[in-house]
């Protein structure tokens, strides 16, 4: 049986990140979109991250364009938008599918 620490994911910047790096921490894995009605939740996620990261909380954002095409930008555009509009400093990963046959292994 697999566990989440066996997986890797690509960061927005293109680097591969092993989820084993987060072992011993609480991970809040979030499917995000930068052009939807819930986009303002980035601000709340950032506040959570700032408040609790030192105690071991990691917020991990995974952009997805599968729900109404609400994250159509490139990884670079998504990162710039989240930083500029919400001050996002938590790890953001490359755009992934979260459902269907091409879903990233983390979401299967």
Protein backbone atom coordinates (compact mmCIF):
# COMPACT_ATOMS: atom_id res chain seq x y z
CA UNK A 1 0.00 0.00 0.00
CA UNK A 2 1.34 3.44 -0.92
CA UNK A 3 1.58 6.39 1.38
CA UNK A 4 1.74 10.04 0.42
CA UNK A 5 5.40 10.36 1.37
CA UNK A 6 6.38 8.09 -1.53
CA UNK A 7 5.20 10.63 -4.09
CA UNK A 8 6.76 13.63 -5.76
CA UNK A 9 5.23 16.64 -7.46
CA UNK A 10 6.54 19.45 -9.62
CA UNK A 11 6.60 22.94 -8.13
CA UNK A 12 5.42 25.92 -10.22
CA UNK A 13 9.06 26.78 -10.87
CA UNK A 14 9.66 23.34 -12.40
CA UNK A 15 11.62 21.73 -9.55
CA UNK A 16 10.59 18.29 -8.33
CA UNK A 17 9.58 18.18 -4.67
CA UNK A 18 9.45 14.95 -2.66
CA UNK A 19 6.50 14.87 -0.31
CA UNK A 20 8.77 12.96 2.07
CA UNK A 21 10.22 16.41 2.80
CA UNK A 22 6.98 17.14 4.68
CA UNK A 23 7.09 14.02 6.84
CA UNK A 24 6.19 14.81 10.44
CA UNK A 25 4.21 17.89 9.41
CA UNK A 26 0.51 18.45 8.87
CA UNK A 27 -0.18 18.86 5.15
CA UNK A 28 -3.23 20.73 3.91
CA UNK A 29 -3.35 19.74 0.24
CA UNK A 30 -5.59 22.10 -1.69
CA UNK A 31 -6.91 21.95 -5.24
CA UNK A 32 -6.82 25.60 -6.35
CA UNK A 33 -8.01 27.78 -9.22
CA UNK A 34 -7.09 31.40 -9.80
CA UNK A 35 -10.19 32.42 -11.77
CA UNK A 36 -13.13 31.11 -9.74
CA UNK A 37 -15.49 32.31 -7.05
CA UNK A 38 -13.37 30.65 -4.37
CA UNK A 39 -10.12 32.30 -5.46
CA UNK A 40 -10.22 34.77 -2.51
CA UNK A 41 -9.65 31.75 -0.26
CA UNK A 42 -5.97 32.13 -1.16
CA UNK A 43 -5.87 34.97 1.39
CA UNK A 44 -7.20 32.71 4.14
CA UNK A 45 -4.85 29.89 3.20
CA UNK A 46 -1.93 32.31 3.35
CA UNK A 47 -3.01 33.50 6.81
CA UNK A 48 -3.20 29.89 8.02
CA UNK A 49 0.24 29.21 6.58
CA UNK A 50 1.78 32.30 8.16
CA UNK A 51 0.20 31.58 11.54
CA UNK A 52 0.88 27.85 11.82
CA UNK A 53 3.82 27.04 9.56
CA UNK A 54 6.30 27.38 12.43
CA UNK A 55 4.26 24.76 14.32
CA UNK A 56 4.42 22.33 11.40
CA UNK A 57 1.54 23.18 9.05
CA UNK A 58 2.27 23.04 5.34
CA UNK A 59 -0.29 24.34 2.86
CA UNK A 60 0.33 22.78 -0.55
CA UNK A 61 -1.52 24.36 -3.48
CA UNK A 62 -2.22 22.33 -6.60
CA UNK A 63 -3.77 24.40 -9.42
CA UNK A 64 -6.25 22.57 -11.61
CA UNK A 65 -8.10 23.65 -14.74
CA UNK A 66 -10.60 20.78 -14.78
CA UNK A 67 -13.55 22.59 -13.21
CA UNK A 68 -14.96 25.01 -15.74
CA UNK A 69 -11.55 26.03 -17.08
CA UNK A 70 -11.02 28.28 -14.05
CA UNK A 71 -7.23 28.11 -14.01
CA UNK A 72 -6.24 28.58 -17.67
CA UNK A 73 -2.87 30.27 -17.13
CA UNK A 74 0.61 28.85 -17.33
CA UNK A 75 2.37 27.82 -14.15
CA UNK A 76 4.36 31.06 -14.26
CA UNK A 77 1.19 33.15 -14.69
CA UNK A 78 -0.57 31.32 -11.85
CA UNK A 79 2.35 31.86 -9.49
CA UNK A 80 2.63 35.55 -10.34
CA UNK A 81 -1.12 36.07 -9.91
CA UNK A 82 -1.23 34.33 -6.52
CA UNK A 83 1.78 36.25 -5.25
CA UNK A 84 0.63 39.62 -6.57
CA UNK A 85 -2.99 39.40 -5.44
CA UNK A 86 -2.81 37.29 -2.28
CA UNK A 87 0.83 37.33 -1.19
CA UNK A 88 0.96 33.54 -1.43
CA UNK A 89 4.19 32.23 0.06
CA UNK A 90 3.17 28.61 0.67
CA UNK A 91 4.35 25.99 -1.83
CA UNK A 92 2.44 26.01 -5.09
CA UNK A 93 2.80 23.10 -7.44
CA UNK A 94 2.49 22.79 -11.21
CA UNK A 95 -1.01 22.53 -12.62
CA UNK A 96 -2.38 18.99 -12.35
CA UNK A 97 -5.50 16.99 -13.05
CA UNK A 98 -7.26 15.94 -9.86
CA UNK A 99 -9.83 13.61 -11.41
CA UNK A 100 -10.04 11.15 -14.24
CA UNK A 101 -7.43 8.85 -15.78
CA UNK A 102 -4.75 11.56 -15.85
CA UNK A 103 -5.20 12.56 -12.21
CA UNK A 104 -1.95 13.17 -10.39
CA UNK A 105 -1.08 10.23 -8.16
CA UNK A 106 -1.63 12.39 -5.05
CA UNK A 107 -5.33 12.74 -5.95
CA UNK A 108 -6.04 9.12 -6.91
